[in-house]
Amino acid sequence: MRGLLATSIGVTCAAALALPLTPPADAATARPAPATKTAPTGTARATSPDTPTTHTTHTTRSTNATRSTRTTSTLPDLPGSTQSLPLTPLAGDRALGGTGADRGLSRRDVHRFSLLGVVWDDPDTELHGRVQVRTRPSGAGAWSGWQDVETHNADHGADPGTRESASGRVRGATAPLWVGDSDGVEIRVHPDTERRTEETAKGTRTLSTIAPLPSGLRLELVDPGAAPPKRAPADGDDTVNAEDAEGPEDADGTQDADGPEGAEGPAGSVIPGMTAEVAETSAANAALAPLGALEIPALDRAGTERELLALRGTELTAAQRAKPYIGARPSIVTRRGWGADENLRESGFRYTTQVKVAFVHHTASGNGYKCSQAPSVIRGIYRYHVRSMGWRDIGYNFLVDKCGKIYEGRAGGVAKPVLGAHTLGFNSNSMGIAVLGTFTSAKPNTTTLNAIARLTAWKLGLFGANPQGKTYLKSAGGNLYGKGKNVRLNVISGHRDGFATECPGKQLYGKLTSARSTAARYQGR
């Protein structure tokens, strides 16, 4: 069980063509993620397989009397890559009350990135301190002000003892921060000072100690890669134009040569450029959309009820068949739609038994993105979860942007009980919905809340759950509930209901009552 230091602020959260709806848990054998290379001293290590490791050189420039480190590298500008830079000791920083224990990097030029975070070796160690970064927009001379990175992210992850958590690849990490297209960065990490009092013969005295920082601190700079394809197949059309069916690109911009030249669609048609990994992921939604679809279309209430009978008819009671409580299926952008590189994640899918609870999260990645950038933000979080944090896939089952668009998260099929890594201790028999943004003080808009309600009304309805009800989940272990404890939870809960965390932020958490009632109304209750 993870303890919380008294000096820490509250933890914030920063997750075949027709498979059965409820397959057994851990149904597939996972393919280990490729091992990352160790960088020699003075290099920027790239953890993506499409970014080679090269030496860098350093020069110095002066801008407005401020000196910064200039880094030049022979690395090409690649779609989808991660630069991993070790943090080094910093001289005392007056702004933070430097103690000599600070770690960071001085200003430097780097390859373009849009999302960043800090990782360290031991996932069971928390970073008790303050992480601040400032960045320079690509092609600009002016630097941003200092921004805080949310350090508490241990409330996410696979449940203790699962294959994913015990893979040996998992690292500790901050939440990711979206900064937009940038090519310069500076970072400082300042450890907390812990104070305690003790009684002496001469009276009470206060002692101060510096909290140790985790070992192996590295700054991860994530380039989310190219934009997703532009056109989805039309209804009844299982093929996609070659120019719209872009797979993962190699360094020279060519299609990934590891997969087949094309994958067969449901009717035997060949979809140019679709690798076997993409086809496998798309096929998990074959009951809802054509192979290669960029979006699962919305369905009206009557159509959704017919679909429910087709998907789970043999599992429904007579009363459920006579009057199913389920909301109309909302439109959902598929993984292919937001441009997921299926070669990043482990192969195969893992499932739990059912979906009894929906946990609502925020990504704690900031609110400075445009809705048109949401796919890029998701690609960045996906790469950060897999390449930087060592998870098998993105942790969340679904994501929602501030314009109310819903996105498929962890692979395995949106109508199936996919096992996620979103609420430590309560991933079994639940799903995680992450709203892109930070809602500690910023308020979520009505469009976003309606999207949460529409999604939960449909997905919980598939499994007969009442959005306004309560149910029990068994804890796999966490800082609120010990392993094996049956915990009574709202069917729509906030992350903080299962773990001592501020997630999904005070403002979003306060709106969940409204989301519950709206979702129940969408179900016809």
Protein backbone atom coordinates (compact mmCIF):
# COMPACT_ATOMS: atom_id res chain seq x y z
CA MET A 1 0.00 0.00 0.00
CA ARG A 2 1.37 3.33 -0.95
CA GLY A 3 1.51 5.91 1.81
CA LEU A 4 1.14 9.64 1.36
CA LEU A 5 3.66 12.02 2.91
CA ALA A 6 2.14 14.72 5.03
CA THR A 7 4.05 17.34 3.08
CA SER A 8 2.66 16.20 -0.26
CA ILE A 9 -0.26 17.89 -1.87
CA GLY A 10 -3.25 15.64 -2.73
CA VAL A 11 -2.55 13.01 -5.34
CA THR A 12 -3.82 13.96 -8.79
CA CYS A 13 -4.60 11.59 -11.62
CA ALA A 14 -3.23 12.37 -14.30
CA ALA A 15 -4.42 4.75 -18.68
CA ALA A 16 -10.66 -13.04 -35.27
CA LEU A 17 -13.32 -10.93 -36.95
CA ALA A 18 -15.91 -11.46 -34.25
CA LEU A 19 -14.64 -12.06 -30.74
CA PRO A 20 -17.12 -12.99 -27.97
CA LEU A 21 -18.34 -10.07 -25.86
CA THR A 22 -17.14 -11.62 -22.59
CA PRO A 23 -14.06 -13.72 -23.28
CA PRO A 24 -11.98 -15.06 -20.40
CA ALA A 25 -9.54 -12.72 -18.69
CA ASP A 26 -5.97 -12.67 -20.01
CA ALA A 27 -7.19 -14.47 -23.12
CA ALA A 28 -4.21 -13.58 -25.28
CA THR A 29 -0.50 -14.08 -24.98
CA ALA A 30 1.24 -10.72 -25.00
CA ARG A 31 4.21 -9.85 -27.16
CA PRO A 32 6.87 -8.07 -25.09
CA ALA A 33 7.57 -4.50 -26.14
CA PRO A 34 10.91 -4.03 -27.88
CA ALA A 35 13.73 -3.29 -25.46
CA THR A 36 15.07 0.24 -25.46
CA LYS A 37 18.71 0.99 -26.09
CA THR A 38 21.01 2.48 -23.52
CA ALA A 39 22.40 5.82 -24.62
CA PRO A 40 26.04 6.65 -24.38
CA THR A 41 26.99 9.73 -22.39
CA GLY A 42 26.16 12.93 -24.27
CA THR A 43 23.40 11.47 -26.40
CA ALA A 44 19.68 11.85 -26.64
CA ARG A 45 18.31 8.34 -26.32
CA ALA A 46 15.26 7.68 -28.48
CA THR A 47 13.04 4.93 -27.12
CA SER A 48 11.01 4.57 -30.29
CA PRO A 49 12.23 1.88 -32.68
CA ASP A 50 11.91 4.37 -35.54
CA THR A 51 14.39 6.80 -33.98
CA PRO A 52 18.06 5.76 -34.00
CA THR A 53 20.46 6.76 -31.25
CA THR A 54 23.03 9.36 -32.33
CA HIS A 55 25.63 11.57 -30.69
CA THR A 56 24.83 15.21 -30.05
CA THR A 57 27.02 18.27 -29.92
CA HIS A 58 26.54 21.32 -27.74
CA THR A 59 27.09 24.99 -28.41
CA THR A 60 26.00 28.07 -26.53
CA ARG A 61 23.94 31.02 -27.66
CA SER A 62 22.74 34.19 -25.96
CA THR A 63 19.24 35.60 -26.39
CA ASN A 64 18.15 38.69 -24.46
CA ALA A 65 21.11 38.22 -22.12
CA THR A 66 19.91 34.70 -21.25
CA ARG A 67 22.35 31.90 -22.07
CA SER A 68 21.00 28.53 -23.15
CA THR A 69 22.46 25.23 -24.28
CA ARG A 70 22.11 24.59 -28.00
CA THR A 71 21.82 20.90 -28.93
CA THR A 72 22.33 19.82 -32.51
CA SER A 73 21.74 16.24 -33.62
CA THR A 74 21.85 14.20 -36.79
CA LEU A 75 18.50 12.62 -35.96
CA PRO A 76 15.93 13.19 -38.72
CA ASP A 77 12.53 14.68 -37.89
CA LEU A 78 10.53 11.49 -37.53
CA PRO A 79 6.78 10.93 -37.17
CA GLY A 80 6.19 9.40 -33.77
CA SER A 81 9.28 9.25 -31.59
CA THR A 82 10.48 9.73 -28.01
CA GLN A 83 13.60 11.53 -26.84
CA SER A 84 14.71 10.37 -23.40
CA LEU A 85 17.15 12.68 -21.61
CA PRO A 86 18.75 11.93 -18.20
CA LEU A 87 18.32 14.66 -15.59
CA THR A 88 21.54 15.89 -13.98
CA PRO A 89 22.34 17.85 -10.78
CA LEU A 90 21.57 21.57 -10.94
CA ALA A 91 23.20 24.44 -9.13
CA GLY A 92 21.08 26.06 -6.45
CA ASP A 93 17.99 27.71 -7.95
CA ARG A 94 16.88 30.76 -5.98
CA ALA A 95 13.34 30.58 -7.35
CA LEU A 96 12.88 27.16 -5.79
CA GLY A 97 15.22 27.57 -2.84
CA GLY A 98 17.82 25.27 -4.39
CA THR A 99 19.49 22.82 -2.03
CA GLY A 100 22.01 21.09 -4.27
CA ALA A 101 19.68 18.08 -4.51
CA ASP A 102 17.83 19.54 -7.51
CA ARG A 103 17.90 17.73 -10.84
CA GLY A 104 17.13 19.03 -14.30
CA LEU A 105 18.42 20.29 -17.64
CA SER A 106 19.40 23.77 -18.74
CA ARG A 107 17.79 25.36 -21.77
CA ARG A 108 18.51 23.40 -24.93
CA ASP A 109 17.34 22.79 -28.45
CA VAL A 110 15.84 19.36 -29.06
CA HIS A 111 13.95 17.63 -31.82
CA ARG A 112 10.32 18.63 -32.15
CA PHE A 113 7.92 17.27 -29.55
CA SER A 114 4.47 18.14 -28.22
CA LEU A 115 4.10 16.23 -24.94
CA LEU A 116 6.49 15.61 -22.07
CA GLY A 117 6.83 13.88 -18.74
CA VAL A 118 9.41 12.59 -16.29
CA VAL A 119 10.02 8.90 -15.61
CA TRP A 120 12.22 7.00 -13.14
CA ASP A 121 13.31 3.44 -12.47
CA ASP A 122 11.09 2.14 -9.66
CA PRO A 123 7.30 2.31 -10.22
CA ASP A 124 6.72 1.84 -6.48
CA THR A 125 8.67 5.01 -5.62
CA GLU A 126 6.86 8.35 -5.70
CA LEU A 127 8.41 11.67 -6.60
CA HIS A 128 7.93 13.99 -3.63
CA GLY A 129 8.85 17.36 -5.02
CA ARG A 130 8.04 19.94 -7.63
CA VAL A 131 8.65 19.49 -11.37
CA GLN A 132 8.62 22.58 -13.56
CA VAL A 133 9.32 22.96 -17.27
CA ARG A 134 9.43 25.71 -19.82
CA THR A 135 9.43 25.19 -23.54
CA ARG A 136 9.96 27.06 -26.78
CA PRO A 137 7.41 26.78 -29.60
CA SER A 138 8.91 25.42 -32.81
CA GLY A 139 10.32 28.17 -34.98
CA ALA A 140 9.88 30.82 -32.27
CA GLY A 141 12.43 32.66 -30.16
CA ALA A 142 10.33 33.33 -27.06
CA TRP A 143 10.17 30.77 -24.26
CA SER A 144 7.07 29.98 -22.22
CA GLY A 145 6.84 30.66 -18.52
CA TRP A 146 7.44 27.88 -16.04
CA GLN A 147 4.70 25.23 -15.96
CA ASP A 148 4.13 22.67 -13.22
CA VAL A 149 4.03 18.99 -14.15
CA GLU A 150 1.70 16.86 -12.02
CA THR A 151 4.04 14.56 -10.11
CA HIS A 152 1.51 12.18 -8.56
CA ASN A 153 0.62 9.54 -11.14
CA ALA A 154 0.93 6.30 -9.15
CA ASP A 155 -2.86 6.09 -8.85
CA HIS A 156 -2.91 4.84 -12.46
CA GLY A 157 -1.63 1.51 -13.65
CA ALA A 158 -2.31 -2.19 -13.86
CA ASP A 159 -3.52 -3.90 -10.70
CA PRO A 160 -0.85 -5.37 -8.41
CA GLY A 161 0.15 -8.91 -9.28
CA THR A 162 -1.16 -8.83 -12.85
CA ARG A 163 0.98 -9.83 -15.82
CA GLU A 164 1.18 -6.20 -16.96
CA SER A 165 2.36 -4.82 -13.62
CA ALA A 166 4.91 -7.62 -13.20
CA SER A 167 6.38 -7.31 -16.70
CA GLY A 168 9.61 -5.73 -15.44
CA ARG A 169 9.22 -2.85 -17.88
CA VAL A 170 6.99 -0.57 -15.80
CA ARG A 171 8.50 2.72 -14.57
CA GLY A 172 7.44 5.43 -12.20
CA ALA A 173 6.24 8.57 -13.96
CA THR A 174 4.66 11.97 -13.67
CA ALA A 175 1.48 12.74 -15.56
CA PRO A 176 2.13 13.81 -19.16
CA LEU A 177 1.91 17.50 -20.04
CA TRP A 178 0.79 18.72 -23.47
CA VAL A 179 2.83 21.78 -24.52
CA GLY A 180 2.18 21.86 -28.29
CA ASP A 181 4.71 21.81 -31.10
CA SER A 182 8.05 22.71 -29.45
CA ASP A 183 11.76 22.40 -30.14
CA GLY A 184 13.31 23.74 -26.93
CA VAL A 185 13.04 22.67 -23.30
CA GLU A 186 14.31 23.43 -19.79
CA ILE A 187 13.37 21.49 -16.66
CA ARG A 188 14.02 21.61 -12.92
CA VAL A 189 13.04 19.11 -10.23
CA HIS A 190 13.11 20.34 -6.65
CA PRO A 191 12.62 17.80 -3.82
CA ASP A 192 10.24 18.48 -0.95
CA THR A 193 11.60 19.51 2.43
CA GLU A 194 10.11 17.44 5.23
CA ARG A 195 9.89 19.04 8.65
CA ARG A 196 9.33 17.38 11.99
CA THR A 197 9.52 18.53 15.57
CA GLU A 198 11.16 16.77 18.50
CA GLU A 199 11.43 17.48 22.20
CA THR A 200 14.87 18.07 23.70
CA ALA A 201 16.13 19.00 27.14
CA LYS A 202 16.24 22.61 25.96
CA GLY A 203 12.74 22.55 24.47
CA THR A 204 11.18 21.84 21.08
CA ARG A 205 13.23 22.04 17.92
CA THR A 206 12.33 21.67 14.24
CA LEU A 207 14.38 19.43 12.00
CA SER A 208 14.35 19.62 8.21
CA THR A 209 15.33 16.86 5.82
CA ILE A 210 15.25 16.76 2.04
CA ALA A 211 13.07 14.04 0.52
CA PRO A 212 15.22 11.86 -1.77
CA LEU A 213 14.36 11.97 -5.43
CA PRO A 214 13.79 8.68 -7.29
CA SER A 215 16.74 7.19 -9.13
CA GLY A 216 16.99 7.20 -12.89
CA LEU A 217 15.11 10.45 -13.51
CA ARG A 218 14.67 11.07 -17.25
CA LEU A 219 12.80 13.68 -19.25
CA GLU A 220 10.64 12.12 -21.97
CA LEU A 221 9.88 14.32 -24.98
CA VAL A 222 7.15 12.79 -27.13
CA ASP A 223 6.44 13.53 -30.78
CA PRO A 224 2.94 12.08 -31.33
CA GLY A 225 3.58 11.55 -35.04
CA ALA A 226 1.61 12.14 -38.20
CA ALA A 227 -2.10 12.93 -38.43
CA PRO A 228 -4.54 10.02 -38.85
CA PRO A 229 -6.04 9.03 -42.21
CA LYS A 230 -8.60 11.42 -43.70
CA ARG A 231 -11.35 9.15 -44.97
CA ALA A 232 -13.30 6.30 -43.42
CA PRO A 233 -14.90 3.59 -45.57
CA ALA A 234 -18.45 4.41 -46.60
CA ASP A 235 -21.28 2.18 -45.39
CA GLY A 236 -20.99 -1.15 -47.14
CA ASP A 237 -17.54 -0.29 -48.48
CA ASP A 238 -14.85 -2.43 -46.89
CA THR A 239 -12.00 -0.92 -48.87
CA VAL A 240 -9.98 2.22 -48.28
CA ASN A 241 -8.08 4.27 -50.80
CA ALA A 242 -4.37 3.58 -50.70
CA GLU A 243 -3.57 7.22 -50.01
CA ASP A 244 -5.91 7.18 -47.02
CA ALA A 245 -4.67 3.91 -45.56
CA GLU A 246 -1.34 5.04 -44.19
CA GLY A 247 0.34 2.65 -41.81
CA PRO A 248 3.26 3.46 -39.50
CA GLU A 249 6.02 5.19 -41.43
CA ASP A 250 9.72 4.36 -41.45
CA ALA A 251 12.37 7.02 -41.12
CA ASP A 252 12.29 7.68 -44.86
CA GLY A 253 8.51 8.12 -44.90
CA THR A 254 7.76 4.70 -46.44
CA GLN A 255 5.17 2.24 -45.16
CA ASP A 256 6.20 -0.11 -42.38
CA ALA A 257 7.70 -3.15 -44.08
CA ASP A 258 7.18 -5.46 -41.12
CA GLY A 259 3.51 -6.07 -41.88
CA PRO A 260 1.79 -7.52 -44.97
CA GLU A 261 1.21 -5.34 -47.98
CA GLY A 262 -2.52 -5.41 -47.34
CA ALA A 263 -5.05 -7.01 -45.00
CA GLU A 264 -8.18 -8.80 -46.10
CA GLY A 265 -11.51 -7.23 -45.18
CA PRO A 266 -14.56 -9.19 -43.96
CA ALA A 267 -15.64 -9.95 -47.54
CA GLY A 268 -12.10 -10.87 -48.64
CA SER A 269 -11.34 -7.43 -50.08
CA VAL A 270 -7.81 -6.16 -49.62
CA ILE A 271 -7.29 -2.88 -47.79
CA PRO A 272 -4.05 -1.38 -49.11
CA GLY A 273 -1.50 -0.39 -46.49
CA MET A 274 -3.29 -2.01 -43.53
CA THR A 275 -0.95 -4.16 -41.48
CA ALA A 276 -2.02 -7.30 -39.66
CA GLU A 277 -1.81 -5.44 -36.33
CA VAL A 278 -4.19 -2.71 -37.52
CA ALA A 279 -6.56 -5.30 -38.98
CA GLU A 280 -6.57 -7.24 -35.70
CA THR A 281 -7.50 -4.14 -33.72
CA SER A 282 -10.16 -3.07 -36.20
CA ALA A 283 -11.66 -6.57 -36.32
CA ALA A 284 -12.37 -6.39 -32.59
CA ASN A 285 -15.12 -3.91 -33.54
CA ALA A 286 -16.35 -5.92 -36.54
CA ALA A 287 -19.86 -6.25 -35.09
CA LEU A 288 -20.18 -2.45 -35.00
CA ALA A 289 -18.31 -1.08 -38.04
CA PRO A 290 -16.53 -2.23 -41.24
CA LEU A 291 -12.92 -3.31 -41.09
CA GLY A 292 -10.72 -0.24 -41.31
CA ALA A 293 -13.39 2.19 -40.11
CA LEU A 294 -12.12 5.46 -38.70
CA GLU A 295 -15.28 5.95 -36.67
CA ILE A 296 -18.00 3.72 -35.26
CA PRO A 297 -21.18 5.57 -36.23
CA ALA A 298 -23.88 6.60 -33.82
CA LEU A 299 -26.93 4.34 -33.67
CA ASP A 300 -30.48 5.26 -32.71
CA ARG A 301 -32.17 3.77 -29.67
CA ALA A 302 -34.11 1.09 -31.58
CA GLY A 303 -31.01 0.04 -33.49
CA THR A 304 -29.00 -0.11 -30.26
CA GLU A 305 -31.59 -2.37 -28.63
CA ARG A 306 -31.47 -4.75 -31.63
CA GLU A 307 -27.68 -4.70 -31.45
CA LEU A 308 -27.79 -5.52 -27.74
CA LEU A 309 -29.90 -8.60 -28.47
CA ALA A 310 -27.45 -9.67 -31.18
CA LEU A 311 -24.43 -9.16 -28.93
CA ARG A 312 -25.69 -10.48 -25.61
CA GLY A 313 -29.13 -11.95 -26.20
CA THR A 314 -28.36 -15.32 -24.61
CA GLU A 315 -27.05 -13.60 -21.46
CA LEU A 316 -30.03 -11.31 -20.91
CA THR A 317 -32.93 -12.09 -18.60
CA ALA A 318 -36.49 -12.19 -19.96
CA ALA A 319 -37.13 -8.80 -18.37
CA GLN A 320 -34.02 -7.31 -20.01
CA ARG A 321 -35.04 -8.65 -23.41
CA ALA A 322 -38.53 -7.23 -22.97
CA LYS A 323 -37.31 -3.81 -21.81
CA PRO A 324 -33.59 -3.20 -22.15
CA TYR A 325 -32.26 -0.15 -20.36
CA ILE A 326 -29.56 1.12 -22.69
CA GLY A 327 -28.69 4.45 -24.21
CA ALA A 328 -28.28 4.93 -27.94
CA ARG A 329 -24.77 4.06 -29.07
CA PRO A 330 -22.75 7.27 -29.55
CA SER A 331 -20.25 7.76 -32.37
CA ILE A 332 -16.75 6.70 -31.33
CA VAL A 333 -13.49 7.50 -33.11
CA THR A 334 -11.58 4.24 -33.50
CA ARG A 335 -7.92 3.72 -32.79
CA ARG A 336 -7.32 3.84 -36.54
CA GLY A 337 -9.25 7.10 -36.58
CA TRP A 338 -6.92 8.81 -34.10
CA GLY A 339 -3.86 7.26 -35.70
CA ALA A 340 -2.69 4.64 -33.20
CA ASP A 341 0.54 2.91 -34.19
CA GLU A 342 -0.47 -0.67 -33.43
CA ASN A 343 3.16 -1.79 -33.52
CA LEU A 344 3.81 0.08 -30.26
CA ARG A 345 1.56 -1.97 -28.00
CA GLU A 346 1.77 -5.62 -27.05
CA SER A 347 -0.13 -7.96 -29.37
CA GLY A 348 -3.40 -9.55 -28.35
CA PHE A 349 -6.14 -8.31 -26.04
CA ARG A 350 -6.94 -8.89 -22.41
CA TYR A 351 -10.42 -8.90 -20.94
CA THR A 352 -12.17 -8.82 -17.63
CA THR A 353 -15.57 -10.44 -17.05
CA GLN A 354 -18.01 -7.54 -17.23
CA VAL A 355 -18.35 -3.79 -16.75
CA LYS A 356 -19.94 -2.89 -13.43
CA VAL A 357 -18.36 0.53 -12.80
CA ALA A 358 -17.20 3.41 -14.99
CA PHE A 359 -14.36 5.41 -13.42
CA VAL A 360 -14.07 8.99 -14.67
CA HIS A 361 -10.60 10.56 -14.89
CA HIS A 362 -8.87 13.63 -16.19
CA THR A 363 -5.54 13.26 -17.95
CA ALA A 364 -3.96 16.16 -16.00
CA SER A 365 -2.20 17.06 -19.26
CA GLY A 366 -3.47 20.64 -19.41
CA ASN A 367 -6.26 22.39 -21.28
CA GLY A 368 -4.20 24.21 -23.89
CA TYR A 369 -5.05 21.94 -26.83
CA LYS A 370 -7.45 22.63 -29.70
CA CYS A 371 -10.13 20.06 -30.48
CA SER A 372 -8.44 19.44 -33.83
CA GLN A 373 -5.31 18.47 -31.85
CA ALA A 374 -7.08 15.90 -29.67
CA PRO A 375 -5.93 12.90 -31.80
CA SER A 376 -2.34 14.14 -31.44
CA VAL A 377 -2.76 14.48 -27.67
CA ILE A 378 -4.07 10.91 -27.51
CA ARG A 379 -1.23 9.59 -29.67
CA GLY A 380 1.19 11.36 -27.32
CA ILE A 381 -0.40 9.86 -24.19
CA TYR A 382 -0.46 6.42 -25.86
CA ARG A 383 3.24 6.59 -26.71
CA TYR A 384 4.06 7.91 -23.21
CA HIS A 385 2.10 5.10 -21.53
CA VAL A 386 3.75 2.39 -23.64
CA ARG A 387 7.26 3.58 -24.48
CA SER A 388 8.00 5.74 -21.45
CA MET A 389 6.00 4.09 -18.65
CA GLY A 390 6.25 0.49 -19.90
CA TRP A 391 2.54 -0.36 -20.09
CA ARG A 392 1.19 -2.81 -22.68
CA ASP A 393 -1.16 -0.19 -24.22
CA ILE A 394 -2.78 3.13 -23.38
CA GLY A 395 -4.31 2.81 -19.92
CA TYR A 396 -7.80 4.24 -20.48
CA ASN A 397 -10.66 2.41 -22.20
CA PHE A 398 -12.09 5.64 -23.63
CA LEU A 399 -11.09 9.28 -23.92
CA VAL A 400 -13.29 12.36 -24.35
CA ASP A 401 -12.14 15.76 -25.61
CA LYS A 402 -13.48 19.18 -24.68
CA CYS A 403 -15.68 19.23 -27.81
CA GLY A 404 -17.47 16.09 -26.66
CA LYS A 405 -15.88 13.65 -29.14
CA ILE A 406 -15.40 10.11 -27.83
CA TYR A 407 -12.33 8.02 -28.70
CA GLU A 408 -11.56 4.32 -28.37
CA GLY A 409 -8.74 3.75 -25.90
CA ARG A 410 -7.16 0.40 -25.03
CA ALA A 411 -7.49 -2.08 -27.90
CA GLY A 412 -9.88 -5.03 -27.78
CA GLY A 413 -13.27 -3.72 -28.93
CA VAL A 414 -15.39 -0.89 -27.57
CA ALA A 415 -18.35 -3.16 -26.79
CA LYS A 416 -16.23 -5.69 -24.89
CA PRO A 417 -14.97 -5.66 -21.27
CA VAL A 418 -11.36 -4.75 -22.07
CA LEU A 419 -9.05 -4.84 -19.06
CA GLY A 420 -7.49 -1.40 -18.65
CA ALA A 421 -4.84 0.22 -16.45
CA HIS A 422 -6.62 3.31 -15.19
CA THR A 423 -7.66 2.87 -11.55
CA LEU A 424 -5.02 1.05 -9.52
CA GLY A 425 -6.74 -1.71 -7.56
CA PHE A 426 -10.05 -1.59 -9.43
CA ASN A 427 -9.36 -2.34 -13.09
CA SER A 428 -11.23 -5.65 -13.06
CA ASN A 429 -14.92 -5.41 -14.02
CA SER A 430 -14.65 -1.68 -14.69
CA MET A 431 -13.80 0.77 -17.45
CA GLY A 432 -11.87 4.03 -17.39
CA ILE A 433 -13.02 7.19 -19.17
CA ALA A 434 -10.44 9.98 -19.31
CA VAL A 435 -11.37 13.55 -20.18
CA LEU A 436 -8.49 15.29 -21.94
CA GLY A 437 -7.53 18.20 -19.70
CA THR A 438 -7.04 19.27 -16.11
CA PHE A 439 -10.09 20.07 -13.98
CA THR A 440 -8.69 21.00 -10.61
CA SER A 441 -9.88 24.60 -11.06
CA ALA A 442 -11.13 24.69 -14.68
CA LYS A 443 -14.74 23.56 -15.17
CA PRO A 444 -15.70 20.92 -17.75
CA ASN A 445 -18.22 22.17 -20.30
CA THR A 446 -21.70 20.79 -20.87
CA THR A 447 -20.69 19.15 -24.15
CA THR A 448 -18.05 17.06 -22.40
CA LEU A 449 -20.42 16.04 -19.59
CA ASN A 450 -23.06 15.00 -22.11
CA ALA A 451 -20.48 12.86 -23.90
CA ILE A 452 -19.67 11.08 -20.62
CA ALA A 453 -23.39 10.51 -20.05
CA ARG A 454 -23.97 9.18 -23.59
CA LEU A 455 -21.00 6.85 -23.40
CA THR A 456 -21.85 5.43 -19.98
CA ALA A 457 -25.56 5.07 -20.82
CA TRP A 458 -24.58 2.84 -23.75
CA LYS A 459 -21.61 0.88 -22.39
CA LEU A 460 -23.05 0.28 -18.91
CA GLY A 461 -26.35 -0.61 -20.57
CA LEU A 462 -24.64 -3.43 -22.48
CA PHE A 463 -23.97 -5.04 -19.09
CA GLY A 464 -27.26 -4.13 -17.38
CA ALA A 465 -25.81 -1.50 -15.04
CA ASN A 466 -27.85 1.46 -13.76
CA PRO A 467 -25.82 4.71 -13.94
CA GLN A 468 -27.54 5.98 -10.79
CA GLY A 469 -27.00 2.78 -8.87
CA LYS A 470 -24.31 1.37 -6.61
CA THR A 471 -22.43 -1.90 -6.81
CA TYR A 472 -19.47 -3.76 -5.29
CA LEU A 473 -15.96 -4.25 -6.64
CA LYS A 474 -13.21 -6.22 -4.95
CA SER A 475 -10.02 -4.27 -4.39
CA ALA A 476 -6.76 -5.63 -5.75
CA GLY A 477 -4.88 -3.35 -3.36
CA GLY A 478 -4.36 0.39 -3.10
CA ASN A 479 -3.94 3.25 -0.66
CA LEU A 480 -7.64 3.44 0.28
CA TYR A 481 -8.72 -0.20 0.33
CA GLY A 482 -6.67 -3.28 1.09
CA LYS A 483 -6.47 -6.26 -1.21
CA GLY A 484 -9.59 -8.43 -1.11
CA LYS A 485 -11.91 -5.82 0.41
CA ASN A 486 -15.34 -5.55 -1.21
CA VAL A 487 -16.01 -1.87 -1.77
CA ARG A 488 -19.40 -0.32 -2.45
CA LEU A 489 -19.09 2.23 -5.27
CA ASN A 490 -21.27 4.37 -7.45
CA VAL A 491 -21.73 2.75 -10.86
CA ILE A 492 -20.33 6.01 -12.25
CA SER A 493 -17.47 6.90 -9.91
CA GLY A 494 -14.60 9.33 -9.91
CA HIS A 495 -11.07 8.02 -9.74
CA ARG A 496 -10.79 9.36 -6.19
CA ASP A 497 -13.54 6.98 -5.05
CA GLY A 498 -11.14 4.05 -5.46
CA PHE A 499 -7.80 5.70 -4.66
CA ALA A 500 -6.66 8.65 -2.54
CA THR A 501 -6.20 11.12 -5.38
CA GLU A 502 -7.56 14.45 -6.58
CA CYS A 503 -8.47 12.88 -9.92
CA PRO A 504 -10.66 13.67 -11.83
CA GLY A 505 -10.21 17.15 -10.38
CA LYS A 506 -12.59 18.94 -8.05
CA GLN A 507 -14.56 20.61 -10.84
CA LEU A 508 -15.18 17.45 -12.88
CA TYR A 509 -15.86 15.30 -9.83
CA GLY A 510 -18.53 17.73 -8.71
CA LYS A 511 -20.41 17.23 -11.99
CA LEU A 512 -20.67 13.44 -11.79
CA THR A 513 -24.05 13.56 -10.04
CA SER A 514 -25.44 15.34 -13.08
CA ALA A 515 -23.75 12.87 -15.43
CA ARG A 516 -25.33 9.96 -13.55
CA SER A 517 -28.86 11.33 -13.83
CA THR A 518 -28.42 12.23 -17.50
CA ALA A 519 -27.04 8.79 -18.33
CA ALA A 520 -29.96 7.11 -16.53
CA ARG A 521 -32.39 9.26 -18.52
CA TYR A 522 -30.65 8.25 -21.76
CA GLN A 523 -31.18 4.62 -20.71
CA GLY A 524 -34.90 5.26 -20.35
CA ARG A 525 -35.00 4.92 -16.57
